[in-house]
N, C-alpha and C. Protein backbone atom coordinates (compact mmCIF):
# COMPACT_ATOMS: atom_id res chain seq x y z
N MET A 1 0.84 -1.19 0.00
CA MET A 1 0.00 0.00 0.00
C MET A 1 0.88 1.24 0.00
N ASN A 2 0.42 2.23 -0.72
CA ASN A 2 1.15 3.48 -0.72
C ASN A 2 0.28 4.59 -0.12
N GLU A 3 0.80 5.78 -0.10
CA GLU A 3 0.11 6.89 0.54
C GLU A 3 -1.18 7.27 -0.18
N GLY A 4 -1.18 7.15 -1.51
CA GLY A 4 -2.37 7.50 -2.28
C GLY A 4 -3.55 6.62 -1.96
N VAL A 5 -3.29 5.33 -1.81
CA VAL A 5 -4.37 4.39 -1.48
C VAL A 5 -4.94 4.71 -0.10
N LEU A 6 -4.07 5.00 0.85
CA LEU A 6 -4.54 5.34 2.20
C LEU A 6 -5.32 6.65 2.21
N LEU A 7 -4.82 7.64 1.49
CA LEU A 7 -5.49 8.95 1.44
C LEU A 7 -6.87 8.84 0.81
N TRP A 8 -6.96 8.20 -0.35
CA TRP A 8 -8.25 8.09 -1.03
C TRP A 8 -9.20 7.19 -0.26
N GLY A 9 -8.69 6.17 0.40
CA GLY A 9 -9.53 5.35 1.25
C GLY A 9 -10.12 6.14 2.40
N LEU A 10 -9.32 7.02 2.98
CA LEU A 10 -9.80 7.88 4.06
C LEU A 10 -10.84 8.87 3.56
N VAL A 11 -10.60 9.46 2.40
CA VAL A 11 -11.53 10.44 1.82
C VAL A 11 -12.89 9.79 1.55
N PHE A 12 -12.88 8.67 0.82
CA PHE A 12 -14.15 8.04 0.48
C PHE A 12 -14.79 7.36 1.69
N GLY A 13 -14.00 6.91 2.63
CA GLY A 13 -14.56 6.37 3.86
C GLY A 13 -15.27 7.44 4.68
N SER A 14 -14.72 8.64 4.70
CA SER A 14 -15.36 9.75 5.41
C SER A 14 -16.66 10.16 4.73
N ILE A 15 -16.64 10.23 3.42
CA ILE A 15 -17.86 10.54 2.68
C ILE A 15 -18.90 9.45 2.92
N GLY A 16 -18.45 8.20 2.96
CA GLY A 16 -19.36 7.10 3.23
C GLY A 16 -19.98 7.17 4.61
N LEU A 17 -19.20 7.57 5.60
CA LEU A 17 -19.73 7.71 6.96
C LEU A 17 -20.81 8.78 6.98
N PHE A 18 -20.57 9.91 6.32
CA PHE A 18 -21.57 10.97 6.25
C PHE A 18 -22.83 10.47 5.54
N ASN A 19 -22.67 9.77 4.41
CA ASN A 19 -23.83 9.26 3.68
C ASN A 19 -24.60 8.24 4.52
N PHE A 20 -23.89 7.38 5.23
CA PHE A 20 -24.56 6.39 6.07
C PHE A 20 -25.39 7.06 7.15
N MET A 21 -24.82 8.05 7.83
CA MET A 21 -25.55 8.74 8.90
C MET A 21 -26.72 9.53 8.33
N TYR A 22 -26.52 10.19 7.20
CA TYR A 22 -27.59 10.98 6.58
C TYR A 22 -28.71 10.06 6.08
N GLY A 23 -28.37 8.94 5.45
CA GLY A 23 -29.38 8.01 4.98
C GLY A 23 -30.18 7.41 6.11
N LYS A 24 -29.53 7.17 7.23
CA LYS A 24 -30.22 6.65 8.40
C LYS A 24 -31.17 7.71 8.97
N LYS A 25 -30.73 8.96 8.97
CA LYS A 25 -31.54 10.05 9.52
C LYS A 25 -32.80 10.28 8.70
N VAL A 26 -32.67 10.30 7.37
CA VAL A 26 -33.82 10.58 6.51
C VAL A 26 -34.59 9.33 6.13
N GLY A 27 -34.07 8.15 6.47
CA GLY A 27 -34.76 6.91 6.19
C GLY A 27 -34.66 6.44 4.76
N ASN A 28 -33.59 6.82 4.08
CA ASN A 28 -33.39 6.42 2.69
C ASN A 28 -32.38 5.27 2.65
N PRO A 29 -32.85 4.05 2.32
CA PRO A 29 -31.93 2.92 2.35
C PRO A 29 -30.87 2.97 1.25
N MET A 30 -31.14 3.58 0.12
CA MET A 30 -30.15 3.64 -0.96
C MET A 30 -28.94 4.47 -0.52
N ILE A 31 -29.18 5.60 0.09
CA ILE A 31 -28.07 6.45 0.56
C ILE A 31 -27.33 5.74 1.69
N ARG A 32 -28.05 5.07 2.56
CA ARG A 32 -27.43 4.36 3.67
C ARG A 32 -26.53 3.22 3.17
N TYR A 33 -27.03 2.42 2.25
CA TYR A 33 -26.23 1.30 1.73
C TYR A 33 -25.06 1.77 0.89
N THR A 34 -25.25 2.87 0.17
CA THR A 34 -24.13 3.42 -0.60
C THR A 34 -23.05 3.94 0.34
N GLY A 35 -23.45 4.56 1.44
CA GLY A 35 -22.48 5.01 2.43
C GLY A 35 -21.72 3.85 3.05
N LEU A 36 -22.42 2.77 3.31
CA LEU A 36 -21.75 1.58 3.85
C LEU A 36 -20.75 1.01 2.83
N ALA A 37 -21.14 0.98 1.57
CA ALA A 37 -20.24 0.49 0.52
C ALA A 37 -19.02 1.40 0.38
N LEU A 38 -19.22 2.72 0.50
CA LEU A 38 -18.09 3.65 0.41
C LEU A 38 -17.11 3.46 1.57
N MET A 39 -17.60 3.06 2.71
CA MET A 39 -16.70 2.84 3.84
C MET A 39 -15.92 1.54 3.71
N VAL A 40 -16.48 0.54 3.06
CA VAL A 40 -15.89 -0.79 3.06
C VAL A 40 -15.03 -1.08 1.84
N TYR A 41 -15.41 -0.59 0.66
CA TYR A 41 -14.75 -1.03 -0.57
C TYR A 41 -13.26 -0.72 -0.66
N PRO A 42 -12.71 0.35 -0.06
CA PRO A 42 -11.27 0.58 -0.20
C PRO A 42 -10.39 -0.55 0.35
N TYR A 43 -10.94 -1.38 1.22
CA TYR A 43 -10.16 -2.49 1.76
C TYR A 43 -9.88 -3.57 0.72
N PHE A 44 -10.64 -3.58 -0.36
CA PHE A 44 -10.54 -4.65 -1.34
C PHE A 44 -9.72 -4.28 -2.58
N PHE A 45 -9.29 -3.04 -2.71
CA PHE A 45 -8.53 -2.59 -3.87
C PHE A 45 -7.19 -2.03 -3.43
N SER A 46 -6.18 -2.23 -4.27
CA SER A 46 -4.84 -1.75 -3.91
C SER A 46 -4.33 -0.69 -4.88
N SER A 47 -5.17 -0.21 -5.78
CA SER A 47 -4.78 0.82 -6.73
C SER A 47 -5.57 2.10 -6.44
N ALA A 48 -4.87 3.21 -6.38
CA ALA A 48 -5.53 4.48 -6.10
C ALA A 48 -6.50 4.86 -7.22
N ILE A 49 -6.15 4.56 -8.47
CA ILE A 49 -7.02 4.89 -9.60
C ILE A 49 -8.34 4.12 -9.49
N VAL A 50 -8.27 2.86 -9.16
CA VAL A 50 -9.48 2.04 -9.02
C VAL A 50 -10.33 2.55 -7.86
N ILE A 51 -9.70 2.92 -6.78
CA ILE A 51 -10.43 3.44 -5.63
C ILE A 51 -11.16 4.73 -5.99
N ILE A 52 -10.53 5.59 -6.75
CA ILE A 52 -11.16 6.84 -7.17
C ILE A 52 -12.34 6.58 -8.09
N VAL A 53 -12.15 5.72 -9.09
CA VAL A 53 -13.21 5.45 -10.07
C VAL A 53 -14.42 4.80 -9.39
N VAL A 54 -14.18 3.80 -8.57
CA VAL A 54 -15.29 3.12 -7.89
C VAL A 54 -15.96 4.07 -6.89
N GLY A 55 -15.18 4.87 -6.19
CA GLY A 55 -15.74 5.80 -5.22
C GLY A 55 -16.62 6.86 -5.86
N VAL A 56 -16.18 7.42 -6.97
CA VAL A 56 -17.00 8.41 -7.66
C VAL A 56 -18.27 7.75 -8.19
N GLY A 57 -18.14 6.54 -8.71
CA GLY A 57 -19.32 5.82 -9.17
C GLY A 57 -20.32 5.57 -8.07
N LEU A 58 -19.83 5.16 -6.91
CA LEU A 58 -20.72 4.92 -5.77
C LEU A 58 -21.34 6.22 -5.26
N MET A 59 -20.62 7.32 -5.36
CA MET A 59 -21.18 8.59 -4.90
C MET A 59 -22.34 9.04 -5.78
N PHE A 60 -22.28 8.76 -7.08
CA PHE A 60 -23.33 9.18 -7.98
C PHE A 60 -24.45 8.15 -8.12
N LEU A 61 -24.27 6.97 -7.58
CA LEU A 61 -25.28 5.91 -7.70
C LEU A 61 -26.65 6.29 -7.14
N PRO A 62 -26.75 6.94 -5.97
CA PRO A 62 -28.10 7.29 -5.47
C PRO A 62 -28.86 8.27 -6.35
N MET A 63 -28.18 9.01 -7.20
CA MET A 63 -28.88 9.92 -8.10
C MET A 63 -29.65 9.18 -9.19
N PHE A 64 -29.17 8.01 -9.56
CA PHE A 64 -29.75 7.28 -10.68
C PHE A 64 -30.59 6.09 -10.26
N VAL A 65 -30.37 5.55 -9.07
CA VAL A 65 -31.12 4.39 -8.60
C VAL A 65 -31.92 4.81 -7.38
N LYS A 66 -33.22 4.63 -7.46
CA LYS A 66 -34.09 4.99 -6.33
C LYS A 66 -34.69 3.72 -5.75
N LEU A 67 -34.64 3.60 -4.43
CA LEU A 67 -35.27 2.47 -3.73
C LEU A 67 -36.51 2.93 -3.02
């Protein structure tokens, strides 16, 4: 692991924590599950580019998929 992977994992994990708490507060399961995914997925990838691409995709997912 290098510094970029750790930094981007921290960034998207923090965004995921905010989304999880916000989704729980407003009762929206899509935002809550996306936040959970944002917190967990950086553990499974070792490339900073992949972490960025997947993270941005997960951030925009609630805009297009409604539960």
